[in-house]
N, C-alpha and C. Protein backbone atom coordinates (compact mmCIF):
# COMPACT_ATOMS: atom_id res chain seq x y z
N MET A 1 0.82 -1.13 -0.12
CA MET A 1 0.13 0.01 0.04
C MET A 1 0.82 1.26 0.05
N GLU A 2 0.70 2.23 -0.83
CA GLU A 2 1.09 3.39 -0.97
C GLU A 2 1.15 4.21 0.49
N HIS A 3 2.17 4.77 0.86
CA HIS A 3 2.33 5.44 2.25
C HIS A 3 1.24 6.58 2.38
N TRP A 4 1.03 7.25 1.20
CA TRP A 4 -0.08 8.41 1.29
C TRP A 4 -1.48 7.70 1.52
N ALA A 5 -1.85 6.67 0.98
CA ALA A 5 -3.15 6.02 1.02
C ALA A 5 -3.29 5.43 2.51
N TYR A 6 -2.20 5.03 2.90
CA TYR A 6 -2.21 4.58 4.48
C TYR A 6 -2.71 5.71 5.42
N GLU A 7 -2.06 6.77 5.08
CA GLU A 7 -2.02 8.05 5.98
C GLU A 7 -3.72 8.49 5.82
N ALA A 8 -4.11 8.47 4.42
CA ALA A 8 -5.47 8.70 4.36
C ALA A 8 -6.50 7.87 5.06
N GLN A 9 -6.24 6.48 5.33
CA GLN A 9 -6.98 5.55 6.00
C GLN A 9 -6.98 6.02 7.38
N ILE A 10 -5.77 6.33 7.87
CA ILE A 10 -5.60 6.61 9.30
C ILE A 10 -6.56 7.83 9.47
N ILE A 11 -6.60 8.97 8.59
CA ILE A 11 -7.25 10.30 8.99
C ILE A 11 -8.64 9.99 8.96
N GLU A 12 -9.09 9.13 7.93
CA GLU A 12 -10.33 8.77 7.74
C GLU A 12 -10.84 8.09 9.26
N ALA A 13 -10.37 7.15 9.75
CA ALA A 13 -10.50 6.41 10.91
C ALA A 13 -10.63 7.17 12.15
N LEU A 14 -9.71 8.31 12.26
CA LEU A 14 -9.52 9.25 13.27
C LEU A 14 -10.96 10.15 13.13
N ASP A 15 -11.16 10.61 11.91
CA ASP A 15 -12.56 11.45 11.77
C ASP A 15 -13.66 10.66 12.15
N ARG A 16 -13.82 9.47 11.73
CA ARG A 16 -14.65 8.74 12.27
C ARG A 16 -15.11 8.46 13.76
N GLU A 17 -13.74 8.21 14.34
CA GLU A 17 -13.80 8.05 15.80
C GLU A 17 -14.13 9.44 16.56
N ILE A 18 -13.68 10.47 16.15
CA ILE A 18 -14.04 11.70 16.62
C ILE A 18 -15.65 12.03 16.47
N LEU A 19 -16.28 11.74 15.23
CA LEU A 19 -17.65 11.73 15.09
C LEU A 19 -18.40 11.00 15.84
N MET A 20 -17.89 9.86 16.10
CA MET A 20 -18.82 8.87 16.92
C MET A 20 -18.45 9.08 18.24
N ALA A 21 -17.61 9.74 19.07
CA ALA A 21 -17.38 9.60 20.41
C ALA A 21 -18.47 10.42 21.14
N LEU A 22 -19.00 9.58 22.14
CA LEU A 22 -20.06 10.30 22.91
C LEU A 22 -19.60 11.57 23.56
N LEU A 23 -20.57 12.70 23.45
CA LEU A 23 -20.14 13.95 24.28
C LEU A 23 -20.34 13.98 25.59
N ALA A 24 -19.71 14.80 26.25
CA ALA A 24 -20.06 15.00 27.82
C ALA A 24 -21.20 15.74 27.92
N ASP A 25 -22.01 15.59 29.06
CA ASP A 25 -23.14 16.24 29.27
C ASP A 25 -22.81 17.84 29.31
N ASP A 26 -21.81 18.28 29.99
CA ASP A 26 -21.38 19.65 30.01
C ASP A 26 -21.40 20.15 28.70
N ASP A 27 -20.45 19.45 27.81
CA ASP A 27 -20.40 19.82 26.24
C ASP A 27 -21.69 19.93 25.54
N ILE A 28 -22.62 19.06 25.69
CA ILE A 28 -23.82 19.00 25.11
C ILE A 28 -24.69 20.30 25.45
N GLN A 29 -24.46 20.60 26.97
CA GLN A 29 -25.44 21.75 27.23
C GLN A 29 -24.91 22.95 26.81
N ALA A 30 -23.74 23.14 26.68
CA ALA A 30 -22.86 24.37 26.32
C ALA A 30 -23.35 24.59 24.77
N ARG A 31 -23.21 23.51 24.02
CA ARG A 31 -23.57 23.83 22.65
C ARG A 31 -25.06 24.11 22.48
N LEU A 32 -26.01 23.44 23.31
CA LEU A 32 -27.45 23.73 22.97
C LEU A 32 -27.74 25.07 23.46
N ALA A 33 -26.94 25.68 24.41
CA ALA A 33 -27.16 27.05 24.98
C ALA A 33 -27.09 27.96 23.59
N GLU A 34 -26.26 27.54 22.67
CA GLU A 34 -25.97 28.57 21.61
C GLU A 34 -27.17 28.33 20.29
N ARG A 35 -28.11 27.27 20.62
CA ARG A 35 -28.90 26.83 19.62
C ARG A 35 -30.47 26.95 20.21
N SER A 36 -31.43 27.70 19.49
CA SER A 36 -32.64 27.92 20.12
C SER A 36 -33.57 27.00 19.96
N GLY A 37 -34.16 26.42 21.17
CA GLY A 37 -35.19 25.52 21.19
C GLY A 37 -34.92 23.88 21.24
N TRP A 38 -33.58 23.69 21.13
CA TRP A 38 -33.04 22.24 21.35
C TRP A 38 -32.73 21.86 22.64
N THR A 39 -33.33 20.85 23.03
CA THR A 39 -32.91 20.20 24.50
C THR A 39 -32.41 18.99 24.35
N CYS A 40 -31.87 18.40 25.53
CA CYS A 40 -31.29 17.03 25.53
C CYS A 40 -32.18 16.23 26.41
N GLU A 41 -32.84 15.26 25.83
CA GLU A 41 -33.65 14.51 26.69
C GLU A 41 -33.59 13.06 26.43
N GLY A 42 -33.13 12.19 27.69
CA GLY A 42 -32.89 10.78 27.48
C GLY A 42 -31.75 10.41 26.45
N GLY A 43 -30.70 11.13 26.54
CA GLY A 43 -29.56 10.98 25.66
C GLY A 43 -29.71 11.11 24.22
N ALA A 44 -30.71 12.26 23.91
CA ALA A 44 -30.96 12.45 22.43
C ALA A 44 -31.22 14.04 22.25
N LEU A 45 -31.05 14.75 21.44
CA LEU A 45 -31.23 16.14 20.97
C LEU A 45 -32.74 16.15 20.40
N VAL A 46 -33.35 17.20 20.99
CA VAL A 46 -34.87 16.96 20.40
C VAL A 46 -35.17 18.53 20.31
N LYS A 47 -36.08 18.62 19.29
CA LYS A 47 -36.65 20.17 18.90
C LYS A 47 -37.97 19.92 18.14
N GLN A 48 -39.04 20.62 18.62
CA GLN A 48 -40.23 20.64 18.02
C GLN A 48 -40.38 21.89 17.14
N PHE A 49 -40.53 21.81 15.68
CA PHE A 49 -40.83 23.05 14.90
C PHE A 49 -42.26 23.20 14.61
N GLU A 50 -42.90 24.22 14.60
CA GLU A 50 -44.19 24.66 14.31
C GLU A 50 -44.05 25.33 13.10
N LEU A 51 -44.79 24.70 11.80
CA LEU A 51 -44.68 25.57 10.55
C LEU A 51 -45.78 25.88 10.23
N GLU A 52 -46.05 26.62 9.05
CA GLU A 52 -47.26 27.21 8.65
C GLU A 52 -48.43 26.23 8.27
N ASP A 53 -48.10 25.14 7.82
CA ASP A 53 -48.99 24.07 7.54
C ASP A 53 -48.37 22.71 7.31
N PHE A 54 -49.24 21.59 7.12
CA PHE A 54 -48.97 20.37 6.86
C PHE A 54 -47.92 20.13 5.77
N MET A 55 -48.11 20.84 4.76
CA MET A 55 -47.18 20.71 3.52
C MET A 55 -45.86 21.37 3.70
N ALA A 56 -45.84 22.09 4.56
CA ALA A 56 -44.47 22.84 5.01
C ALA A 56 -43.83 21.80 5.78
N VAL A 57 -44.47 21.16 6.74
CA VAL A 57 -43.76 20.16 7.32
C VAL A 57 -43.20 18.99 6.49
N VAL A 58 -44.08 18.47 5.65
CA VAL A 58 -43.63 17.48 4.69
C VAL A 58 -42.47 17.99 3.83
N ASN A 59 -42.51 19.10 3.38
CA ASN A 59 -41.20 19.65 2.65
C ASN A 59 -40.06 19.77 3.45
N LEU A 60 -40.19 20.02 4.44
CA LEU A 60 -38.92 20.09 5.54
C LEU A 60 -38.43 18.57 5.57
N VAL A 61 -39.39 17.84 5.91
CA VAL A 61 -39.00 16.18 5.97
C VAL A 61 -38.31 15.81 4.61
N ASN A 62 -38.82 16.24 3.45
CA ASN A 62 -38.15 16.06 2.29
C ASN A 62 -36.78 16.60 1.92
N ALA A 63 -36.69 17.76 2.60
CA ALA A 63 -35.33 18.44 2.56
C ALA A 63 -34.50 17.68 3.40
N VAL A 64 -34.70 17.41 4.59
CA VAL A 64 -33.71 16.71 5.58
C VAL A 64 -33.44 15.25 5.15
N ALA A 65 -34.32 14.65 4.58
CA ALA A 65 -33.99 13.12 4.30
C ALA A 65 -32.90 12.81 3.54
N PRO A 66 -32.49 13.57 2.22
CA PRO A 66 -31.49 13.17 1.65
C PRO A 66 -30.12 13.77 2.29
N GLU A 67 -30.31 14.71 2.98
CA GLU A 67 -29.00 15.14 3.80
C GLU A 67 -28.70 14.16 4.77
N ALA A 68 -29.84 13.49 5.55
CA ALA A 68 -29.45 12.56 6.54
C ALA A 68 -29.19 11.31 5.99
N GLU A 69 -29.50 10.74 4.78
CA GLU A 69 -29.16 9.74 4.07
C GLU A 69 -27.66 9.87 3.55
N ALA A 70 -27.31 10.94 3.01
CA ALA A 70 -26.09 11.27 2.70
C ALA A 70 -24.79 11.03 3.76
N ALA A 71 -25.40 11.51 5.03
CA ALA A 71 -24.49 11.61 6.25
C ALA A 71 -24.62 10.07 7.06
N ASP A 72 -25.53 9.13 6.56
CA ASP A 72 -25.89 7.94 7.09
C ASP A 72 -26.04 7.99 8.46
N HIS A 73 -27.03 9.09 8.74
CA HIS A 73 -27.25 9.25 10.23
C HIS A 73 -28.80 9.97 10.10
N HIS A 74 -29.78 8.84 10.58
CA HIS A 74 -31.03 9.11 10.44
C HIS A 74 -31.97 9.62 11.75
N PRO A 75 -32.47 10.66 11.66
CA PRO A 75 -33.19 11.11 12.82
C PRO A 75 -34.63 10.56 12.91
N ASP A 76 -35.05 10.46 14.09
CA ASP A 76 -36.38 10.15 14.38
C ASP A 76 -37.41 11.52 14.11
N MET A 77 -38.33 11.15 13.29
CA MET A 77 -39.16 12.39 12.88
C MET A 77 -40.83 12.02 13.23
N PHE A 78 -41.45 12.89 13.97
CA PHE A 78 -42.70 12.82 14.52
C PHE A 78 -43.53 13.86 13.93
N ILE A 79 -44.40 13.79 13.14
CA ILE A 79 -45.41 14.61 12.41
C ILE A 79 -46.68 14.71 13.10
N ASN A 80 -47.04 16.01 13.33
CA ASN A 80 -48.17 16.09 13.92
C ASN A 80 -48.97 17.42 13.39
N TYR A 81 -49.56 17.33 12.31
CA TYR A 81 -50.28 18.35 11.45
C TYR A 81 -49.18 19.34 11.11
N ARG A 82 -49.25 20.66 11.63
CA ARG A 82 -48.03 21.64 11.53
C ARG A 82 -46.82 21.59 12.27
N ARG A 83 -46.80 20.60 13.18
CA ARG A 83 -45.61 20.41 13.96
C ARG A 83 -44.74 19.05 13.43
N ILE A 84 -43.55 19.41 13.68
CA ILE A 84 -42.43 17.90 13.47
C ILE A 84 -41.47 18.18 14.59
N THR A 85 -41.32 16.82 15.06
CA THR A 85 -40.46 16.98 16.31
C THR A 85 -39.25 16.01 15.67
N PHE A 86 -38.07 16.46 15.87
CA PHE A 86 -36.80 15.77 15.45
C PHE A 86 -36.10 15.36 16.59
N THR A 87 -35.74 14.03 16.62
CA THR A 87 -35.10 13.50 17.69
C THR A 87 -33.68 12.92 17.36
N LEU A 88 -32.58 13.26 17.79
CA LEU A 88 -31.21 13.00 17.20
C LEU A 88 -30.47 12.22 18.22
N SER A 89 -29.87 11.15 17.90
CA SER A 89 -29.00 10.53 18.80
C SER A 89 -28.08 9.38 17.91
N THR A 90 -26.92 9.19 18.30
CA THR A 90 -26.33 8.07 17.52
C THR A 90 -26.38 6.88 18.32
N HIS A 91 -27.35 6.06 17.72
CA HIS A 91 -27.90 4.89 18.34
C HIS A 91 -26.73 3.76 18.63
N SER A 92 -25.95 3.76 17.65
CA SER A 92 -24.79 2.69 17.86
C SER A 92 -23.76 3.21 18.86
N GLU A 93 -23.78 4.30 19.37
CA GLU A 93 -22.95 4.84 20.42
C GLU A 93 -23.73 5.09 21.89
N GLY A 94 -24.99 5.04 21.84
CA GLY A 94 -25.93 5.14 22.95
C GLY A 94 -25.93 6.51 23.41
N GLY A 95 -26.05 7.52 22.52
CA GLY A 95 -26.05 8.92 23.16
C GLY A 95 -25.78 10.04 21.91
N VAL A 96 -25.51 10.99 22.44
CA VAL A 96 -25.10 12.22 21.37
C VAL A 96 -23.71 12.29 21.14
N THR A 97 -23.46 12.54 19.78
CA THR A 97 -22.11 12.64 19.12
C THR A 97 -22.19 13.77 18.34
N GLU A 98 -20.85 14.07 17.69
CA GLU A 98 -20.63 15.30 16.71
C GLU A 98 -21.73 15.17 15.62
N LYS A 99 -21.86 13.83 15.25
CA LYS A 99 -22.94 13.64 14.14
C LYS A 99 -24.17 14.28 14.38
N ASP A 100 -24.80 14.09 15.65
CA ASP A 100 -26.05 14.58 15.94
C ASP A 100 -25.94 16.21 15.82
N PHE A 101 -24.91 16.77 16.31
CA PHE A 101 -24.83 18.16 16.27
C PHE A 101 -24.66 18.67 14.69
N ALA A 102 -23.97 17.94 13.78
CA ALA A 102 -23.79 18.26 12.54
C ALA A 102 -25.18 18.09 11.99
N LEU A 103 -25.92 17.20 12.04
CA LEU A 103 -27.29 17.09 11.54
C LEU A 103 -28.29 18.03 12.11
N LEU A 104 -28.17 18.45 13.35
CA LEU A 104 -28.96 19.32 14.06
C LEU A 104 -28.86 20.80 13.39
N ASP A 105 -27.28 21.20 13.01
CA ASP A 105 -27.08 22.31 12.16
C ASP A 105 -27.62 22.34 10.83
N GLU A 106 -27.77 21.16 10.25
CA GLU A 106 -28.23 21.19 8.85
C GLU A 106 -29.74 21.20 8.85
N ILE A 107 -30.47 20.64 9.89
CA ILE A 107 -31.90 20.87 9.97
C ILE A 107 -32.21 22.22 10.15
N GLU A 108 -31.56 23.12 11.16
CA GLU A 108 -31.62 24.43 11.35
C GLU A 108 -31.52 25.14 9.92
N ARG A 109 -30.41 24.91 9.22
CA ARG A 109 -30.22 25.64 8.02
C ARG A 109 -31.64 25.23 6.81
N LEU A 110 -32.13 23.99 7.01
CA LEU A 110 -33.07 23.71 6.03
C LEU A 110 -34.37 24.20 6.45
N ALA A 111 -34.57 24.41 7.96
CA ALA A 111 -35.87 24.92 8.42
C ALA A 111 -36.05 26.39 8.23
N GLY A 112 -34.67 27.16 7.99
CA GLY A 112 -34.67 28.60 7.71
C GLY A 112 -35.02 29.15 8.97
């Protein structure tokens, strides 16, 4: 194996490890303090959005879905007419990781 290919594999593994490491409660709370409406409940990040109508909720789900799929990180989504609740956690790690905050930021961007 070429030396540069081996280094690339190591960097990729480290990036994956960093993304998948559980975050400390203090770190989670500090990050949530910078983001409106998100809470940490039962080892997951949670926020309910209320939009103008049902179709706006469906459109948000349709915007989030390909981003979540591309990241291989799938949120729980509960729709209740004009409201959608997103619940984010890294199930394989048993709690909140960098991946959850990355998806949280993407959801916020898409929700506008």
